[in-house]
Every structure is written in structure tokens, then in C-alpha cells.
Amino acid sequence: MHFCRRNDKFVCCHRIWRKLSHAEFILGYQNGALGCAVRAPRALLWFLSHNVRDPKTQQTLLVWLVVVLALIGGSIFLLFYLSRFWVTVGLVLGLPAFVLVLMRRVAELVIDLALKDERFFATASAEGVLIVCAEKKNHHNGGS
């Protein structure tokens, strides 16, 4: 059982085992019949290890890199000027929040790129970065 994002809500769904065309994916996503699950850590590693040609993606990855370096540099700098307790508290609270925001932004970026670019959609689906899901329909006559 998978959980998929549909209209900013997470719903329980099952994975579609047949290959969808890009047009079917766009239509299904826009009308709410399909949801998407993104494996964000895998997507982030995939973005960093492949040559991504989309300028928006390159800019987003560059901003994330600068933020990570700023967090590391700021933590080291503050370690010398604040007590270690406050630096540790800041890292314990700030790092998980940063990772959660980063993973959400990676998932949004994958979905945006999949909706725009047919080649990206095919590659992301084949690599297991993007999982397309459909909601299970429960019929009262015993079907599923």
C-alpha cells in the first residue's frame, strides 16, 4: 500500500502497473484521478548525479547547495561565539526542519518537471523516482 499526494492531501492508493503515456499522466493528474508518490531522497541523489538541463532545476539545486553550505558555515562560526549548548539546540531543531522542507521541495520539483517534460517523466518513472498511483475504488457490489 502506498500513500500518494493528491491536491495537497495524502491518500491511500495502489500503484499502476501499466505504463502511462505522458498525456494520460497529465490528464489524470489534473482531474484528480491519479496521484504521485516521489521518493525524495532517491530523487535528490538522482538530480545530483545526472546532468539536469532544466534551468529552474539547476537554479534550485544551486540555491539548496548555498543554503547547506551557509548552515554548515554558520554552525561552525556560531560554535566559537555561542555556547555549545545553543549551537547543539539550533542544529537539533533546525536540521530536521531543513531536511523536511528540502524533501518536500524535491518532490514538488519532480512532479512539476514530470508534468512539463515527457522525457523526464519517462526517465523518472523508469528509475523509480516517480510512482504514479490511482485511488482504489470500492464498489458496493463486491468489486475492488
N, C-alpha and C. Protein backbone atom coordinates (compact mmCIF):
# COMPACT_ATOMS: atom_id res chain seq x y z
N MET A 1 0.84 -1.17 0.00
CA MET A 1 0.00 0.00 0.00
C MET A 1 0.89 1.24 0.00
N HIS A 2 0.56 2.19 -0.83
CA HIS A 2 1.32 3.43 -0.95
C HIS A 2 0.44 4.60 -0.56
N PHE A 3 1.08 5.69 -0.18
CA PHE A 3 0.37 6.93 0.06
C PHE A 3 0.81 7.92 -0.99
N CYS A 4 -0.15 8.55 -1.65
CA CYS A 4 0.13 9.45 -2.75
C CYS A 4 -0.42 10.83 -2.43
N ARG A 5 0.23 11.83 -2.99
CA ARG A 5 -0.23 13.20 -2.82
C ARG A 5 -1.24 13.51 -3.92
N ARG A 6 -2.41 13.96 -3.52
CA ARG A 6 -3.42 14.39 -4.47
C ARG A 6 -4.05 15.66 -3.93
N ASN A 7 -3.88 16.74 -4.64
CA ASN A 7 -4.41 18.04 -4.23
C ASN A 7 -3.97 18.40 -2.81
N ASP A 8 -2.66 18.25 -2.57
CA ASP A 8 -2.02 18.56 -1.29
C ASP A 8 -2.58 17.75 -0.12
N LYS A 9 -3.17 16.61 -0.40
CA LYS A 9 -3.61 15.69 0.64
C LYS A 9 -2.99 14.34 0.32
N PHE A 10 -2.69 13.56 1.35
CA PHE A 10 -2.13 12.24 1.13
C PHE A 10 -3.26 11.23 1.24
N VAL A 11 -3.42 10.42 0.21
CA VAL A 11 -4.48 9.43 0.18
C VAL A 11 -3.86 8.06 -0.04
N CYS A 12 -4.58 7.05 0.40
CA CYS A 12 -4.14 5.67 0.23
C CYS A 12 -4.47 5.24 -1.20
N CYS A 13 -3.53 4.64 -1.87
CA CYS A 13 -3.75 4.27 -3.26
C CYS A 13 -2.94 3.03 -3.59
N HIS A 14 -3.18 2.49 -4.77
CA HIS A 14 -2.37 1.36 -5.24
C HIS A 14 -1.61 1.80 -6.48
N ARG A 15 -0.52 1.13 -6.72
CA ARG A 15 0.37 1.51 -7.82
C ARG A 15 -0.19 1.00 -9.14
N ILE A 16 -0.06 1.83 -10.17
CA ILE A 16 -0.48 1.44 -11.50
C ILE A 16 0.66 0.65 -12.13
N TRP A 17 0.38 -0.55 -12.60
CA TRP A 17 1.45 -1.40 -13.10
C TRP A 17 1.64 -1.29 -14.60
N ARG A 18 0.70 -0.67 -15.32
CA ARG A 18 0.90 -0.48 -16.76
C ARG A 18 1.55 0.87 -16.99
N LYS A 19 2.24 0.98 -18.08
CA LYS A 19 2.93 2.22 -18.38
C LYS A 19 1.94 3.25 -18.93
N LEU A 20 1.94 4.42 -18.33
CA LEU A 20 1.07 5.51 -18.78
C LEU A 20 1.81 6.38 -19.77
N SER A 21 1.06 6.91 -20.74
CA SER A 21 1.67 7.90 -21.61
C SER A 21 1.73 9.23 -20.86
N HIS A 22 2.53 10.14 -21.36
CA HIS A 22 2.66 11.44 -20.72
C HIS A 22 1.33 12.19 -20.74
N ALA A 23 0.59 12.09 -21.84
CA ALA A 23 -0.71 12.77 -21.94
C ALA A 23 -1.70 12.19 -20.93
N GLU A 24 -1.70 10.86 -20.75
CA GLU A 24 -2.58 10.25 -19.74
C GLU A 24 -2.20 10.69 -18.34
N PHE A 25 -0.90 10.79 -18.09
CA PHE A 25 -0.44 11.24 -16.79
C PHE A 25 -0.90 12.67 -16.50
N ILE A 26 -0.73 13.56 -17.46
CA ILE A 26 -1.14 14.96 -17.27
C ILE A 26 -2.64 15.04 -17.03
N LEU A 27 -3.43 14.36 -17.87
CA LEU A 27 -4.87 14.40 -17.75
C LEU A 27 -5.33 13.82 -16.41
N GLY A 28 -4.78 12.67 -16.05
CA GLY A 28 -5.15 12.03 -14.79
C GLY A 28 -4.74 12.84 -13.57
N TYR A 29 -3.58 13.48 -13.64
CA TYR A 29 -3.13 14.28 -12.50
C TYR A 29 -3.98 15.54 -12.35
N GLN A 30 -4.31 16.18 -13.48
CA GLN A 30 -5.08 17.41 -13.43
C GLN A 30 -6.52 17.19 -12.99
N ASN A 31 -7.13 16.06 -13.37
CA ASN A 31 -8.51 15.83 -12.97
C ASN A 31 -8.63 15.08 -11.64
N GLY A 32 -7.52 14.75 -11.04
CA GLY A 32 -7.54 14.14 -9.70
C GLY A 32 -7.66 12.63 -9.69
N ALA A 33 -7.63 11.98 -10.85
CA ALA A 33 -7.75 10.53 -10.89
C ALA A 33 -6.44 9.84 -10.50
N LEU A 34 -5.33 10.54 -10.66
CA LEU A 34 -4.03 9.97 -10.33
C LEU A 34 -3.36 10.79 -9.24
N GLY A 35 -2.56 10.14 -8.47
CA GLY A 35 -1.71 10.80 -7.51
C GLY A 35 -0.27 10.41 -7.80
N CYS A 36 0.64 11.08 -7.17
CA CYS A 36 2.06 10.80 -7.39
C CYS A 36 2.75 10.60 -6.06
N ALA A 37 3.59 9.60 -6.02
CA ALA A 37 4.47 9.41 -4.88
C ALA A 37 5.89 9.62 -5.41
N VAL A 38 6.64 10.43 -4.71
CA VAL A 38 8.02 10.72 -5.12
C VAL A 38 8.94 10.22 -4.01
N ARG A 39 9.92 9.45 -4.40
CA ARG A 39 10.94 9.03 -3.44
C ARG A 39 11.99 10.14 -3.39
N ALA A 40 11.77 11.05 -2.46
CA ALA A 40 12.55 12.29 -2.42
C ALA A 40 14.05 12.06 -2.21
N PRO A 41 14.48 11.22 -1.29
CA PRO A 41 15.94 11.03 -1.16
C PRO A 41 16.56 10.47 -2.44
N ARG A 42 15.87 9.51 -3.06
CA ARG A 42 16.37 8.95 -4.32
C ARG A 42 16.38 10.03 -5.40
N ALA A 43 15.33 10.87 -5.42
CA ALA A 43 15.25 11.94 -6.42
C ALA A 43 16.39 12.95 -6.24
N LEU A 44 16.68 13.30 -4.99
CA LEU A 44 17.76 14.24 -4.73
C LEU A 44 19.10 13.68 -5.21
N LEU A 45 19.38 12.43 -4.89
CA LEU A 45 20.61 11.80 -5.36
C LEU A 45 20.64 11.71 -6.88
N TRP A 46 19.48 11.44 -7.47
CA TRP A 46 19.38 11.34 -8.92
C TRP A 46 19.66 12.69 -9.58
N PHE A 47 19.11 13.76 -8.99
CA PHE A 47 19.38 15.10 -9.51
C PHE A 47 20.87 15.43 -9.43
N LEU A 48 21.50 15.08 -8.32
CA LEU A 48 22.90 15.42 -8.13
C LEU A 48 23.83 14.58 -9.00
N SER A 49 23.42 13.37 -9.37
CA SER A 49 24.29 12.50 -10.15
C SER A 49 24.06 12.58 -11.65
N HIS A 50 22.99 13.22 -12.11
CA HIS A 50 22.70 13.33 -13.53
C HIS A 50 22.82 14.78 -13.97
N ASN A 51 23.08 14.95 -15.24
CA ASN A 51 23.15 16.28 -15.82
C ASN A 51 21.73 16.75 -16.12
N VAL A 52 21.20 17.63 -15.30
CA VAL A 52 19.85 18.15 -15.46
C VAL A 52 19.94 19.43 -16.28
N ARG A 53 19.20 19.47 -17.38
CA ARG A 53 19.31 20.60 -18.29
C ARG A 53 18.29 21.69 -18.03
N ASP A 54 17.30 21.42 -17.21
CA ASP A 54 16.28 22.42 -16.95
C ASP A 54 16.87 23.55 -16.11
N PRO A 55 16.77 24.82 -16.56
CA PRO A 55 17.38 25.93 -15.82
C PRO A 55 16.77 26.13 -14.43
N LYS A 56 15.47 25.89 -14.30
CA LYS A 56 14.82 26.04 -12.99
C LYS A 56 15.39 25.03 -12.00
N THR A 57 15.60 23.81 -12.47
CA THR A 57 16.15 22.77 -11.61
C THR A 57 17.58 23.09 -11.21
N GLN A 58 18.38 23.53 -12.17
CA GLN A 58 19.75 23.90 -11.87
C GLN A 58 19.80 25.04 -10.85
N GLN A 59 18.95 26.02 -11.01
CA GLN A 59 18.92 27.15 -10.07
C GLN A 59 18.49 26.69 -8.68
N THR A 60 17.49 25.81 -8.63
CA THR A 60 17.02 25.31 -7.34
C THR A 60 18.11 24.50 -6.64
N LEU A 61 18.80 23.65 -7.38
CA LEU A 61 19.89 22.85 -6.79
C LEU A 61 21.02 23.75 -6.29
N LEU A 62 21.31 24.80 -7.02
CA LEU A 62 22.35 25.74 -6.61
C LEU A 62 21.95 26.46 -5.32
N VAL A 63 20.70 26.88 -5.22
CA VAL A 63 20.21 27.55 -4.00
C VAL A 63 20.31 26.59 -2.81
N TRP A 64 19.91 25.33 -3.00
CA TRP A 64 20.00 24.36 -1.91
C TRP A 64 21.44 24.14 -1.48
N LEU A 65 22.34 24.08 -2.44
CA LEU A 65 23.76 23.91 -2.11
C LEU A 65 24.27 25.09 -1.29
N VAL A 66 23.91 26.31 -1.68
CA VAL A 66 24.32 27.51 -0.95
C VAL A 66 23.74 27.49 0.46
N VAL A 67 22.48 27.10 0.61
CA VAL A 67 21.85 27.05 1.94
C VAL A 67 22.55 26.02 2.82
N VAL A 68 22.86 24.86 2.27
CA VAL A 68 23.55 23.83 3.07
C VAL A 68 24.92 24.33 3.51
N LEU A 69 25.66 24.94 2.59
CA LEU A 69 26.98 25.47 2.95
C LEU A 69 26.86 26.60 3.98
N ALA A 70 25.83 27.44 3.86
CA ALA A 70 25.61 28.51 4.84
C ALA A 70 25.27 27.93 6.22
N LEU A 71 24.48 26.87 6.25
CA LEU A 71 24.16 26.24 7.53
C LEU A 71 25.40 25.63 8.17
N ILE A 72 26.21 24.97 7.38
CA ILE A 72 27.44 24.39 7.92
C ILE A 72 28.39 25.48 8.40
N GLY A 73 28.60 26.50 7.55
CA GLY A 73 29.48 27.60 7.93
C GLY A 73 28.97 28.38 9.13
N GLY A 74 27.66 28.63 9.17
CA GLY A 74 27.07 29.34 10.30
C GLY A 74 27.19 28.55 11.59
N SER A 75 27.01 27.25 11.50
CA SER A 75 27.14 26.41 12.70
C SER A 75 28.56 26.44 13.23
N ILE A 76 29.54 26.35 12.35
CA ILE A 76 30.94 26.40 12.79
C ILE A 76 31.27 27.77 13.37
N PHE A 77 30.80 28.83 12.71
CA PHE A 77 31.04 30.19 13.20
C PHE A 77 30.41 30.41 14.57
N LEU A 78 29.16 29.98 14.72
CA LEU A 78 28.48 30.18 15.99
C LEU A 78 29.05 29.30 17.10
N LEU A 79 29.67 28.21 16.73
CA LEU A 79 30.28 27.33 17.72
C LEU A 79 31.37 28.07 18.50
N PHE A 80 32.04 29.01 17.84
CA PHE A 80 33.09 29.76 18.50
C PHE A 80 32.56 30.94 19.31
N TYR A 81 31.36 31.44 18.99
CA TYR A 81 30.85 32.64 19.66
C TYR A 81 29.68 32.38 20.59
N LEU A 82 29.05 31.25 20.52
CA LEU A 82 27.98 30.89 21.44
C LEU A 82 28.39 29.66 22.21
N SER A 83 27.62 29.37 23.23
CA SER A 83 27.93 28.14 23.96
C SER A 83 27.55 26.94 23.09
N ARG A 84 28.18 25.86 23.32
CA ARG A 84 27.92 24.66 22.54
C ARG A 84 26.50 24.17 22.73
N PHE A 85 25.92 24.48 23.89
CA PHE A 85 24.54 24.08 24.14
C PHE A 85 23.60 24.72 23.11
N TRP A 86 23.72 26.03 22.89
CA TRP A 86 22.81 26.73 21.97
C TRP A 86 23.05 26.33 20.52
N VAL A 87 24.28 26.05 20.17
CA VAL A 87 24.57 25.58 18.81
C VAL A 87 23.95 24.20 18.60
N THR A 88 24.08 23.34 19.61
CA THR A 88 23.50 21.99 19.52
C THR A 88 21.98 22.06 19.44
N VAL A 89 21.37 22.91 20.27
CA VAL A 89 19.91 23.07 20.23
C VAL A 89 19.47 23.59 18.85
N GLY A 90 20.19 24.55 18.32
CA GLY A 90 19.86 25.09 17.00
C GLY A 90 19.97 24.05 15.91
N LEU A 91 21.00 23.22 15.96
CA LEU A 91 21.16 22.17 14.98
C LEU A 91 20.11 21.08 15.13
N VAL A 92 19.81 20.72 16.36
CA VAL A 92 18.82 19.67 16.60
C VAL A 92 17.44 20.11 16.11
N LEU A 93 17.11 21.38 16.27
CA LEU A 93 15.81 21.87 15.82
C LEU A 93 15.82 22.27 14.34
N GLY A 94 16.91 22.85 13.89
CA GLY A 94 16.96 23.39 12.54
C GLY A 94 17.21 22.37 11.45
N LEU A 95 18.07 21.41 11.72
CA LEU A 95 18.43 20.44 10.70
C LEU A 95 17.25 19.57 10.25
N PRO A 96 16.46 19.00 11.18
CA PRO A 96 15.30 18.22 10.71
C PRO A 96 14.28 19.07 9.95
N ALA A 97 14.09 20.30 10.38
CA ALA A 97 13.16 21.19 9.66
C ALA A 97 13.67 21.45 8.25
N PHE A 98 14.96 21.69 8.12
CA PHE A 98 15.55 21.92 6.80
C PHE A 98 15.40 20.68 5.91
N VAL A 99 15.64 19.51 6.46
CA VAL A 99 15.54 18.28 5.68
C VAL A 99 14.10 18.05 5.23
N LEU A 100 13.12 18.30 6.10
CA LEU A 100 11.72 18.13 5.72
C LEU A 100 11.32 19.09 4.60
N VAL A 101 11.73 20.33 4.71
CA VAL A 101 11.43 21.30 3.66
C VAL A 101 12.13 20.91 2.37
N LEU A 102 13.36 20.48 2.46
CA LEU A 102 14.12 20.07 1.28
C LEU A 102 13.45 18.90 0.57
N MET A 103 13.02 17.89 1.32
CA MET A 103 12.39 16.72 0.71
C MET A 103 11.06 17.09 0.05
N ARG A 104 10.30 17.97 0.67
CA ARG A 104 9.03 18.41 0.07
C ARG A 104 9.29 19.18 -1.22
N ARG A 105 10.29 20.05 -1.22
CA ARG A 105 10.62 20.83 -2.42
C ARG A 105 11.14 19.93 -3.54
N VAL A 106 11.89 18.89 -3.20
CA VAL A 106 12.37 17.95 -4.21
C VAL A 106 11.17 17.23 -4.84
N ALA A 107 10.23 16.80 -4.02
CA ALA A 107 9.05 16.12 -4.54
C ALA A 107 8.24 17.04 -5.46
N GLU A 108 8.06 18.30 -5.05
CA GLU A 108 7.34 19.25 -5.88
C GLU A 108 8.06 19.48 -7.20
N LEU A 109 9.38 19.56 -7.15
CA LEU A 109 10.17 19.78 -8.35
C LEU A 109 10.05 18.60 -9.32
N VAL A 110 10.07 17.38 -8.80
CA VAL A 110 9.93 16.20 -9.64
C VAL A 110 8.57 16.19 -10.33
N ILE A 111 7.51 16.48 -9.58
CA ILE A 111 6.17 16.48 -10.16
C ILE A 111 6.04 17.58 -11.20
N ASP A 112 6.55 18.77 -10.90
CA ASP A 112 6.49 19.88 -11.87
C ASP A 112 7.22 19.52 -13.16
N LEU A 113 8.41 18.96 -13.04
CA LEU A 113 9.17 18.58 -14.23
C LEU A 113 8.51 17.44 -14.99
N ALA A 114 7.90 16.50 -14.27
CA ALA A 114 7.21 15.38 -14.94
C ALA A 114 5.99 15.87 -15.72
N LEU A 115 5.33 16.88 -15.20
CA LEU A 115 4.17 17.43 -15.92
C LEU A 115 4.60 18.22 -17.15
N LYS A 116 5.79 18.82 -17.12
CA LYS A 116 6.25 19.65 -18.23
C LYS A 116 6.99 18.87 -19.31
N ASP A 117 7.76 17.87 -18.94
CA ASP A 117 8.69 17.24 -19.87
C ASP A 117 8.41 15.74 -19.97
N GLU A 118 8.07 15.30 -21.16
CA GLU A 118 7.74 13.89 -21.38
C GLU A 118 8.94 12.98 -21.16
N ARG A 119 10.12 13.42 -21.58
CA ARG A 119 11.34 12.62 -21.41
C ARG A 119 11.68 12.47 -19.92
N PHE A 120 11.53 13.56 -19.16
CA PHE A 120 11.78 13.49 -17.72
C PHE A 120 10.80 12.53 -17.06
N PHE A 121 9.52 12.60 -17.44
CA PHE A 121 8.50 11.72 -16.88
C PHE A 121 8.87 10.25 -17.11
N ALA A 122 9.27 9.92 -18.33
CA ALA A 122 9.62 8.54 -18.65
C ALA A 122 10.86 8.08 -17.86
N THR A 123 11.86 8.94 -17.79
CA THR A 123 13.08 8.58 -17.07
C THR A 123 12.84 8.45 -15.58
N ALA A 124 12.11 9.41 -14.99
CA ALA A 124 11.84 9.38 -13.55
C ALA A 124 10.99 8.16 -13.18
N SER A 125 10.04 7.80 -14.03
CA SER A 125 9.22 6.61 -13.77
C SER A 125 10.06 5.35 -13.86
N ALA A 126 10.91 5.28 -14.88
CA ALA A 126 11.75 4.09 -15.06
C ALA A 126 12.77 3.93 -13.93
N GLU A 127 13.29 5.04 -13.41
CA GLU A 127 14.28 4.99 -12.33
C GLU A 127 13.65 4.74 -10.96
N GLY A 128 12.33 4.78 -10.87
CA GLY A 128 11.65 4.58 -9.59
C GLY A 128 11.61 5.81 -8.73
N VAL A 129 11.90 6.97 -9.31
CA VAL A 129 11.85 8.23 -8.57
C VAL A 129 10.40 8.70 -8.44
N LEU A 130 9.63 8.52 -9.50
CA LEU A 130 8.23 8.94 -9.56
C LEU A 130 7.35 7.71 -9.66
N ILE A 131 6.41 7.58 -8.73
CA ILE A 131 5.47 6.47 -8.74
C ILE A 131 4.09 7.06 -8.95
N VAL A 132 3.41 6.60 -9.97
CA VAL A 132 2.06 7.08 -10.28
C VAL A 132 1.07 6.14 -9.63
N CYS A 133 0.11 6.71 -8.92
CA CYS A 133 -0.86 5.93 -8.16
C CYS A 133 -2.27 6.32 -8.56
N ALA A 134 -3.18 5.38 -8.42
CA ALA A 134 -4.60 5.65 -8.61
C ALA A 134 -5.34 5.19 -7.36
N GLU A 135 -6.37 5.90 -7.01
CA GLU A 135 -7.13 5.55 -5.82
C GLU A 135 -7.91 4.28 -6.07
N LYS A 136 -7.93 3.39 -5.08
CA LYS A 136 -8.73 2.18 -5.20
C LYS A 136 -10.19 2.57 -5.08
N LYS A 137 -11.00 2.05 -5.99
CA LYS A 137 -12.43 2.34 -5.94
C LYS A 137 -13.12 1.17 -5.29
N ASN A 138 -13.84 1.45 -4.23
CA ASN A 138 -14.60 0.41 -3.53
C ASN A 138 -16.03 0.44 -4.02
N HIS A 139 -16.43 -0.62 -4.70
CA HIS A 139 -17.81 -0.71 -5.17
C HIS A 139 -18.59 -1.53 -4.18
N HIS A 140 -19.86 -1.25 -4.05
CA HIS A 140 -20.69 -1.96 -3.08
C HIS A 140 -21.04 -3.36 -3.57
N ASN A 141 -20.85 -3.66 -4.86
CA ASN A 141 -21.20 -4.98 -5.37
C ASN A 141 -20.05 -5.98 -5.25
N GLY A 142 -19.07 -5.68 -4.42
CA GLY A 142 -18.02 -6.64 -4.12
C GLY A 142 -16.74 -6.44 -4.91
N GLY A 143 -16.72 -5.58 -5.89
CA GLY A 143 -15.50 -5.34 -6.66
C GLY A 143 -14.55 -4.46 -5.90
N SER A 144 -13.32 -4.42 -6.38
CA SER A 144 -12.36 -3.52 -5.74
C SER A 144 -11.74 -2.61 -6.75
